[in-house]
Amino acid sequence: EILEGFSRGMFMVQAFASVDPAESRYRVHVQNEFICCFRVHSNDENDRNPDNLVVCAPHLITAVDVETGYPITTEELRVGQRVAIIAIRADPLLLTPQALPVVGPTYFMPEKQYGFKLSEPVFPNQSTG
């Protein structure tokens, strides 16, 4: 949907080959681009728990077609596509105190929308995938 001049929404990704189905669902939020990715531990697709946040802006989140490797834009996503979600670490300049207010999570993930305030970007580590 279009809100305040932005194309906003979310989509779910379900792993098609996973040992533990409870750990294989992700929800990716979109605001013209992929903004954040949450691991979903329950059937509640709207659960916005900061502990489940895997990656967020300004780190780059992209979707690629698993068969061709071609990138898929937010507008090209369709139900049933086989995609891989890839997180790419942001350039250090985008992580500075000067840049974060305009490219970081407080800009793209307002507290009123997500129910929590996140002041530092999140990027996957060994324990979160």
Protein backbone atom coordinates (compact mmCIF):
# COMPACT_ATOMS: atom_id res chain seq x y z
CA GLU A 1 0.00 0.00 0.00
CA ILE A 2 1.07 3.62 -0.48
CA LEU A 3 1.29 5.65 2.76
CA GLU A 4 2.80 9.12 3.12
CA GLY A 5 4.43 8.77 -0.31
CA PHE A 6 6.06 5.41 0.50
CA SER A 7 5.26 1.94 -0.77
CA ARG A 8 4.87 0.09 2.55
CA GLY A 9 4.11 -3.47 3.47
CA MET A 10 5.57 -6.75 4.62
CA PHE A 11 6.00 -10.28 3.38
CA MET A 12 6.67 -13.63 4.96
CA VAL A 13 9.44 -15.99 3.94
CA GLN A 14 9.13 -19.68 4.83
CA ALA A 15 12.19 -21.86 4.41
CA PHE A 16 11.46 -24.79 2.12
CA ALA A 17 14.21 -26.99 3.56
CA SER A 18 14.56 -26.62 7.31
CA VAL A 19 15.18 -28.98 10.19
CA ASP A 20 13.16 -26.86 12.63
CA PRO A 21 10.01 -25.28 11.14
CA ALA A 22 9.69 -23.00 14.19
CA GLU A 23 12.99 -21.35 13.23
CA SER A 24 12.34 -21.08 9.50
CA ARG A 25 9.89 -18.18 9.14
CA TYR A 26 10.88 -14.57 8.61
CA ARG A 27 8.89 -11.37 8.15
CA VAL A 28 10.47 -8.64 6.03
CA HIS A 29 9.13 -5.09 6.25
CA VAL A 30 9.23 -2.84 3.19
CA GLN A 31 9.27 0.93 2.78
CA ASN A 32 10.17 1.31 -0.91
CA GLU A 33 13.06 -1.02 -0.02
CA PHE A 34 13.61 -3.87 2.41
CA ILE A 35 13.90 -2.16 5.82
CA CYS A 36 14.03 -4.90 8.45
CA CYS A 37 13.74 -8.64 8.89
CA PHE A 38 12.26 -10.40 11.93
CA ARG A 39 12.47 -14.08 12.81
CA VAL A 40 8.91 -15.29 13.48
CA HIS A 41 8.61 -17.83 16.30
CA SER A 42 4.83 -18.13 16.44
CA ASN A 43 1.78 -18.08 14.22
CA ASP A 44 1.29 -14.38 15.03
CA GLU A 45 2.63 -12.74 11.88
CA ASN A 46 2.29 -9.27 13.44
CA ASP A 47 4.51 -10.00 16.45
CA ARG A 48 7.11 -7.23 16.57
CA ASN A 49 9.52 -8.30 19.25
CA PRO A 50 12.88 -6.49 19.12
CA ASP A 51 14.59 -9.70 20.26
CA ASN A 52 13.49 -11.32 16.98
CA LEU A 53 14.94 -8.57 14.79
CA VAL A 54 17.61 -10.15 12.58
CA VAL A 55 18.75 -7.18 10.45
CA CYS A 56 17.64 -3.60 9.78
CA ALA A 57 18.56 -0.42 7.93
CA PRO A 58 21.05 0.95 7.12
CA HIS A 59 22.37 -2.55 6.39
CA LEU A 60 21.31 -3.69 2.95
CA ILE A 61 18.63 -6.35 2.78
CA THR A 62 17.93 -7.91 -0.59
CA ALA A 63 15.91 -10.76 -2.02
CA VAL A 64 17.23 -12.94 -4.83
CA ASP A 65 15.63 -15.67 -6.90
CA VAL A 66 17.11 -18.95 -5.62
CA GLU A 67 17.19 -20.49 -9.08
CA THR A 68 18.68 -17.62 -11.10
CA GLY A 69 20.41 -15.50 -8.45
CA TYR A 70 18.77 -12.39 -9.90
CA PRO A 71 17.69 -9.71 -7.44
CA ILE A 72 13.97 -9.23 -6.83
CA THR A 73 12.71 -5.73 -6.06
CA THR A 74 9.89 -5.06 -3.61
CA GLU A 75 7.50 -4.49 -6.52
CA GLU A 76 8.41 -7.81 -8.16
CA LEU A 77 7.70 -10.05 -5.15
CA ARG A 78 4.93 -12.59 -5.69
CA VAL A 79 3.36 -15.32 -3.58
CA GLY A 80 5.12 -18.63 -4.08
CA GLN A 81 8.43 -17.27 -5.34
CA ARG A 82 11.50 -19.11 -4.11
CA VAL A 83 13.73 -16.41 -2.70
CA ALA A 84 16.78 -16.06 -0.50
CA ILE A 85 17.04 -13.05 1.79
CA ILE A 86 20.58 -11.70 1.97
CA ALA A 87 21.95 -9.14 4.45
CA ILE A 88 24.95 -7.05 3.45
CA ARG A 89 26.78 -5.01 6.06
CA ALA A 90 26.50 -1.22 5.61
CA ASP A 91 29.52 0.91 4.86
CA PRO A 92 31.02 2.22 8.13
CA LEU A 93 30.18 5.80 7.07
CA LEU A 94 26.48 4.91 7.26
CA LEU A 95 26.94 3.77 10.86
CA THR A 96 28.30 7.07 12.18
CA PRO A 97 26.35 9.25 14.62
CA GLN A 98 25.93 11.82 11.84
CA ALA A 99 24.45 9.35 9.33
CA LEU A 100 22.25 7.16 11.53
CA PRO A 101 19.49 9.77 12.09
CA VAL A 102 18.76 9.80 8.33
CA VAL A 103 19.60 6.24 7.25
CA GLY A 104 19.24 4.24 10.45
CA PRO A 105 16.48 2.41 12.25
CA THR A 106 15.07 5.47 14.03
CA TYR A 107 14.25 7.00 10.63
CA PHE A 108 12.83 3.92 8.93
CA MET A 109 11.42 2.13 11.99
CA PRO A 110 9.45 4.70 13.98
CA GLU A 111 8.59 3.68 17.52
CA LYS A 112 4.88 4.36 16.97
CA GLN A 113 4.81 1.85 14.10
CA TYR A 114 6.96 -0.89 15.63
CA GLY A 115 6.16 -0.54 19.32
CA PHE A 116 9.81 -0.25 20.38
CA LYS A 117 12.63 2.21 19.89
CA LEU A 118 15.77 0.99 18.22
CA SER A 119 18.66 3.39 18.17
CA GLU A 120 21.40 1.11 16.83
CA PRO A 121 21.31 -0.98 13.65
CA VAL A 122 21.08 -4.74 13.97
CA PHE A 123 23.10 -7.12 11.81
CA PRO A 124 23.13 -10.94 11.91
CA ASN A 125 25.80 -12.68 13.92
CA GLN A 126 26.75 -16.31 14.39
CA SER A 127 23.90 -16.96 16.82
CA THR A 128 21.02 -15.32 14.87
CA GLY A 129 21.70 -16.65 11.39
